[in-house]
Amino acid sequence: MTSKGTLAKVERACADLLRDAEPVTFPAVAARSGISRTTLYRDENLRTVVEEHRQQGRAPRTLSGVVAEVRHLRDAVEAIAERVSRHEEQLRRLRRSTGIK
């Protein structure tokens, strides 16, 4: 789970980049936030924040931009659904092992 402090640092770094009219990239966010690029890529919450700010920094919506955004959102929803399924399975196993219904 992402800590509130880490999430706030990433949000602030992204907002600062947009304010300064600089591109929101993973290396730029890593440099401004002091959080490694690896962590930004691997943590789903942080990656989503960076991707959302990247979308804000792009030129006005085009059809290809909307398609890319939909693709990104679909991937994010699928990742969330997979995580929920894993958690549900873990709960089922725990309930079986403890006898809780």
C-alpha atoms as a PDB file:
ATOM      1  CA  MET A   1       0.000   0.000   0.000  1.00  0.00           C
ATOM      2  CA  THR A   2       1.287   3.416  -0.914  1.00  0.00           C
ATOM      3  CA  SER A   3       1.878   5.773   2.002  1.00  0.00           C
ATOM      4  CA  LYS A   4       0.102   9.127   1.974  1.00  0.00           C
ATOM      5  CA  GLY A   5       3.444  10.918   2.200  1.00  0.00           C
ATOM      6  CA  THR A   6       4.844   9.145  -0.855  1.00  0.00           C
ATOM      7  CA  LEU A   7       1.672   9.767  -2.817  1.00  0.00           C
ATOM      8  CA  ALA A   8       1.739  13.448  -1.835  1.00  0.00           C
ATOM      9  CA  LYS A   9       5.370  13.797  -3.000  1.00  0.00           C
ATOM     10  CA  VAL A  10       4.510  12.328  -6.397  1.00  0.00           C
ATOM     11  CA  GLU A  11       1.384  14.485  -6.734  1.00  0.00           C
ATOM     12  CA  ARG A  12       3.399  17.607  -5.845  1.00  0.00           C
ATOM     13  CA  ALA A  13       6.209  16.731  -8.280  1.00  0.00           C
ATOM     14  CA  CYS A  14       3.711  16.210 -11.105  1.00  0.00           C
ATOM     15  CA  ALA A  15       1.871  19.445 -10.309  1.00  0.00           C
ATOM     16  CA  ASP A  16       5.157  21.368 -10.207  1.00  0.00           C
ATOM     17  CA  LEU A  17       6.204  19.976 -13.584  1.00  0.00           C
ATOM     18  CA  LEU A  18       2.880  20.979 -15.129  1.00  0.00           C
ATOM     19  CA  ARG A  19       3.086  24.430 -13.539  1.00  0.00           C
ATOM     20  CA  ASP A  20       6.577  24.894 -14.962  1.00  0.00           C
ATOM     21  CA  ALA A  21       5.341  23.709 -18.397  1.00  0.00           C
ATOM     22  CA  GLU A  22       7.763  20.783 -18.314  1.00  0.00           C
ATOM     23  CA  PRO A  23       6.844  17.312 -19.563  1.00  0.00           C
ATOM     24  CA  VAL A  24       5.668  14.898 -16.903  1.00  0.00           C
ATOM     25  CA  THR A  25       7.968  11.919 -17.304  1.00  0.00           C
ATOM     26  CA  PHE A  26       8.946   9.171 -14.891  1.00  0.00           C
ATOM     27  CA  PRO A  27      12.571  10.380 -14.715  1.00  0.00           C
ATOM     28  CA  ALA A  28      11.443  13.978 -14.094  1.00  0.00           C
ATOM     29  CA  VAL A  29       8.973  12.945 -11.374  1.00  0.00           C
ATOM     30  CA  ALA A  30      11.630  10.726  -9.777  1.00  0.00           C
ATOM     31  CA  ALA A  31      14.115  13.601  -9.706  1.00  0.00           C
ATOM     32  CA  ARG A  32      11.604  16.080  -8.244  1.00  0.00           C
ATOM     33  CA  SER A  33      10.074  13.727  -5.688  1.00  0.00           C
ATOM     34  CA  GLY A  34      13.197  11.879  -4.572  1.00  0.00           C
ATOM     35  CA  ILE A  35      11.437   8.553  -5.277  1.00  0.00           C
ATOM     36  CA  SER A  36      13.148   6.073  -7.570  1.00  0.00           C
ATOM     37  CA  ARG A  37      11.864   5.467 -11.076  1.00  0.00           C
ATOM     38  CA  THR A  38      11.619   1.776 -10.235  1.00  0.00           C
ATOM     39  CA  THR A  39       9.217   2.529  -7.395  1.00  0.00           C
ATOM     40  CA  LEU A  40       7.178   4.853  -9.613  1.00  0.00           C
ATOM     41  CA  TYR A  41       6.854   2.158 -12.264  1.00  0.00           C
ATOM     42  CA  ARG A  42       6.199  -0.763  -9.903  1.00  0.00           C
ATOM     43  CA  ASP A  43       3.718   0.850  -7.518  1.00  0.00           C
ATOM     44  CA  GLU A  44       0.368   0.816  -9.318  1.00  0.00           C
ATOM     45  CA  ASN A  45      -0.954   3.839  -7.429  1.00  0.00           C
ATOM     46  CA  LEU A  46       2.111   5.970  -8.154  1.00  0.00           C
ATOM     47  CA  ARG A  47       2.262   4.864 -11.782  1.00  0.00           C
ATOM     48  CA  THR A  48      -1.394   5.832 -12.203  1.00  0.00           C
ATOM     49  CA  VAL A  49      -0.793   9.296 -10.710  1.00  0.00           C
ATOM     50  CA  VAL A  50       2.119   9.930 -13.078  1.00  0.00           C
ATOM     51  CA  GLU A  51       0.169   8.664 -16.089  1.00  0.00           C
ATOM     52  CA  GLU A  52      -2.837  10.841 -15.240  1.00  0.00           C
ATOM     53  CA  HIS A  53      -0.648  13.935 -14.967  1.00  0.00           C
ATOM     54  CA  ARG A  54       1.088  13.027 -18.220  1.00  0.00           C
ATOM     55  CA  GLN A  55      -2.316  13.054 -19.898  1.00  0.00           C
ATOM     56  CA  GLN A  56      -3.060  16.511 -18.477  1.00  0.00           C
ATOM     57  CA  GLY A  57       0.179  17.868 -19.875  1.00  0.00           C
ATOM     58  CA  ARG A  58      -0.517  16.739 -23.419  1.00  0.00           C
ATOM     59  CA  ALA A  59      -1.989  18.810 -26.203  1.00  0.00           C
ATOM     60  CA  PRO A  60      -5.757  19.053 -26.635  1.00  0.00           C
ATOM     61  CA  ARG A  61      -7.533  15.755 -27.063  1.00  0.00           C
ATOM     62  CA  THR A  62      -7.192  14.006 -30.353  1.00  0.00           C
ATOM     63  CA  LEU A  63      -8.796  10.744 -31.377  1.00  0.00           C
ATOM     64  CA  SER A  64      -5.498   8.916 -30.970  1.00  0.00           C
ATOM     65  CA  GLY A  65      -5.041  10.533 -27.549  1.00  0.00           C
ATOM     66  CA  VAL A  66      -8.487   9.400 -26.453  1.00  0.00           C
ATOM     67  CA  VAL A  67      -7.768   5.884 -27.727  1.00  0.00           C
ATOM     68  CA  ALA A  68      -4.516   5.811 -25.747  1.00  0.00           C
ATOM     69  CA  GLU A  69      -6.296   7.068 -22.641  1.00  0.00           C
ATOM     70  CA  VAL A  70      -9.028   4.435 -22.973  1.00  0.00           C
ATOM     71  CA  ARG A  71      -6.356   1.756 -23.406  1.00  0.00           C
ATOM     72  CA  HIS A  72      -4.580   2.996 -20.291  1.00  0.00           C
ATOM     73  CA  LEU A  73      -7.814   3.056 -18.286  1.00  0.00           C
ATOM     74  CA  ARG A  74      -8.734  -0.436 -19.477  1.00  0.00           C
ATOM     75  CA  ASP A  75      -5.326  -1.725 -18.379  1.00  0.00           C
ATOM     76  CA  ALA A  76      -5.753  -0.049 -14.996  1.00  0.00           C
ATOM     77  CA  VAL A  77      -9.220  -1.555 -14.504  1.00  0.00           C
ATOM     78  CA  GLU A  78      -7.949  -5.007 -15.479  1.00  0.00           C
ATOM     79  CA  ALA A  79      -5.077  -4.690 -12.987  1.00  0.00           C
ATOM     80  CA  ILE A  80      -7.518  -3.683 -10.257  1.00  0.00           C
ATOM     81  CA  ALA A  81      -9.862  -6.568 -11.115  1.00  0.00           C
ATOM     82  CA  GLU A  82      -6.951  -9.018 -10.957  1.00  0.00           C
ATOM     83  CA  ARG A  83      -5.906  -7.657  -7.572  1.00  0.00           C
ATOM     84  CA  VAL A  84      -9.477  -7.905  -6.244  1.00  0.00           C
ATOM     85  CA  SER A  85      -9.690 -11.511  -7.449  1.00  0.00           C
ATOM     86  CA  ARG A  86      -6.436 -12.363  -5.659  1.00  0.00           C
ATOM     87  CA  HIS A  87      -7.680 -10.744  -2.465  1.00  0.00           C
ATOM     88  CA  GLU A  88     -11.017 -12.546  -2.676  1.00  0.00           C
ATOM     89  CA  GLU A  89      -9.215 -15.865  -3.077  1.00  0.00           C
ATOM     90  CA  GLN A  90      -6.992 -15.088  -0.097  1.00  0.00           C
ATOM     91  CA  LEU A  91     -10.082 -14.289   1.983  1.00  0.00           C
ATOM     92  CA  ARG A  92     -11.734 -17.576   0.947  1.00  0.00           C
ATOM     93  CA  ARG A  93      -8.628 -19.529   1.975  1.00  0.00           C
ATOM     94  CA  LEU A  94      -8.398 -17.701   5.294  1.00  0.00           C
ATOM     95  CA  ARG A  95     -12.062 -18.281   6.020  1.00  0.00           C
ATOM     96  CA  ARG A  96     -11.734 -21.993   5.209  1.00  0.00           C
ATOM     97  CA  SER A  97      -8.658 -22.373   7.404  1.00  0.00           C
ATOM     98  CA  THR A  98     -10.275 -20.577  10.348  1.00  0.00           C
ATOM     99  CA  GLY A  99     -13.791 -21.945   9.896  1.00  0.00           C
ATOM    100  CA  ILE A 100     -15.312 -18.470   9.455  1.00  0.00           C
ATOM    101  CA  LYS A 101     -18.145 -18.183   6.953  1.00  0.00           C
END
